[in-house]
């Protein structure tokens, strides 16, 4: 999902719910976002938590410098997955999916 520069963060919950209902993880490209507020970050934390409560992943990538500054000042921002590139976000989501799959398998007790 690549948001427009004037992306409506209130719309994020609706879109995220739709994606979650389809059992898909979400990668959000922040490259066109040049400003975030604490309210925006609070909404992202909430979406993140909802995805992980449903055994799905949520990652954000390619933040601009202004966004990184606001990000680092937010109390809960370090709980979110923020990667410098889209490829790293894809890798993160893929690895988390593999980890969930691996941990959900039943192994024989004699291993």
Protein backbone atom coordinates (compact mmCIF):
# COMPACT_ATOMS: atom_id res chain seq x y z
CA UNK A 1 0.00 0.00 0.00
CA UNK A 2 1.55 3.30 -1.06
CA UNK A 3 -0.23 6.28 0.53
CA UNK A 4 -0.66 9.61 -1.18
CA UNK A 5 1.08 12.60 0.40
CA UNK A 6 -2.23 13.77 1.90
CA UNK A 7 -3.24 10.25 2.96
CA UNK A 8 -6.22 10.23 5.29
CA UNK A 9 -5.03 8.30 8.34
CA UNK A 10 -8.66 7.85 9.41
CA UNK A 11 -9.04 5.74 6.28
CA UNK A 12 -6.13 3.56 7.40
CA UNK A 13 -8.28 1.58 9.84
CA UNK A 14 -10.84 0.78 7.18
CA UNK A 15 -8.22 -0.33 4.65
CA UNK A 16 -6.27 -2.29 7.26
CA UNK A 17 -9.44 -4.08 8.36
CA UNK A 18 -10.17 -5.05 4.78
CA UNK A 19 -6.64 -6.40 4.32
CA UNK A 20 -6.77 -8.27 7.63
CA UNK A 21 -10.11 -9.83 6.75
CA UNK A 22 -8.39 -11.33 3.71
CA UNK A 23 -5.66 -12.81 5.93
CA UNK A 24 -2.92 -10.65 4.43
CA UNK A 25 -0.06 -8.80 6.10
CA UNK A 26 0.49 -5.13 5.29
CA UNK A 27 3.53 -3.15 4.18
CA UNK A 28 3.00 0.60 4.11
CA UNK A 29 5.38 2.73 2.04
CA UNK A 30 5.98 6.07 3.79
CA UNK A 31 8.18 7.59 1.06
CA UNK A 32 5.61 10.22 0.07
CA UNK A 33 4.65 11.11 3.64
CA UNK A 34 6.57 14.15 4.83
CA UNK A 35 4.71 14.83 8.09
CA UNK A 36 3.30 12.63 10.85
CA UNK A 37 1.74 13.66 14.12
CA UNK A 38 1.58 11.74 17.36
CA UNK A 39 -2.06 10.97 16.51
CA UNK A 40 -0.93 9.39 13.24
CA UNK A 41 1.67 7.33 15.07
CA UNK A 42 -0.92 6.29 17.66
CA UNK A 43 -3.13 5.07 14.79
CA UNK A 44 -0.21 3.14 13.27
CA UNK A 45 0.53 1.51 16.64
CA UNK A 46 -3.13 0.48 16.91
CA UNK A 47 -3.12 -1.01 13.39
CA UNK A 48 0.16 -2.78 14.15
CA UNK A 49 -1.31 -4.33 17.30
CA UNK A 50 -4.46 -5.45 15.47
CA UNK A 51 -2.40 -7.20 12.78
CA UNK A 52 -0.21 -9.02 15.30
CA UNK A 53 -3.23 -10.07 17.38
CA UNK A 54 -4.45 -11.79 14.20
CA UNK A 55 -1.09 -13.51 13.48
CA UNK A 56 -0.30 -11.15 10.62
CA UNK A 57 2.56 -8.72 10.05
CA UNK A 58 2.60 -4.96 9.62
CA UNK A 59 5.68 -3.10 8.43
CA UNK A 60 6.39 0.46 7.38
CA UNK A 61 9.20 1.40 5.02
CA UNK A 62 11.12 4.20 3.35
CA UNK A 63 10.42 7.06 5.77
CA UNK A 64 11.61 10.56 4.94
CA UNK A 65 13.96 12.32 7.39
CA UNK A 66 11.18 14.53 8.82
CA UNK A 67 9.13 11.43 9.58
CA UNK A 68 12.11 9.69 11.22
CA UNK A 69 12.57 12.67 13.55
CA UNK A 70 8.95 12.56 14.71
CA UNK A 71 9.11 8.76 14.84
CA UNK A 72 12.05 8.66 17.24
CA UNK A 73 10.34 11.10 19.61
CA UNK A 74 7.19 8.96 19.93
CA UNK A 75 7.01 6.72 23.01
CA UNK A 76 5.65 3.61 21.28
CA UNK A 77 7.21 4.00 17.84
CA UNK A 78 9.95 1.50 18.64
CA UNK A 79 7.30 -1.25 18.80
CA UNK A 80 6.59 -0.76 15.08
CA UNK A 81 8.53 -2.38 12.25
CA UNK A 82 10.21 0.40 10.30
CA UNK A 83 12.65 -0.50 7.53
CA UNK A 84 14.74 1.74 5.29
CA UNK A 85 13.70 -0.05 2.08
CA UNK A 86 10.73 -1.90 0.64
CA UNK A 87 12.87 -5.01 0.08
CA UNK A 88 13.73 -5.13 3.79
CA UNK A 89 10.05 -4.75 4.71
CA UNK A 90 9.17 -7.64 2.38
CA UNK A 91 11.94 -9.74 3.95
CA UNK A 92 10.70 -8.91 7.45
CA UNK A 93 7.09 -9.85 6.67
CA UNK A 94 8.24 -13.04 4.92
CA UNK A 95 10.46 -14.09 7.82
CA UNK A 96 7.72 -13.43 10.37
CA UNK A 97 5.34 -15.54 8.29
CA UNK A 98 7.86 -18.39 8.18
CA UNK A 99 8.44 -18.08 11.92
CA UNK A 100 4.71 -18.27 12.66
CA UNK A 101 4.40 -21.27 10.35
CA UNK A 102 7.37 -23.00 11.97
CA UNK A 103 6.16 -22.35 15.52
CA UNK A 104 2.67 -23.62 14.75
CA UNK A 105 3.87 -27.02 13.51
CA UNK A 106 3.56 -30.05 15.74
CA UNK A 107 6.83 -31.90 16.19
CA UNK A 108 7.32 -35.44 17.46
CA UNK A 109 8.32 -35.49 21.11
CA UNK A 110 11.46 -37.56 20.48
CA UNK A 111 13.20 -34.72 18.58
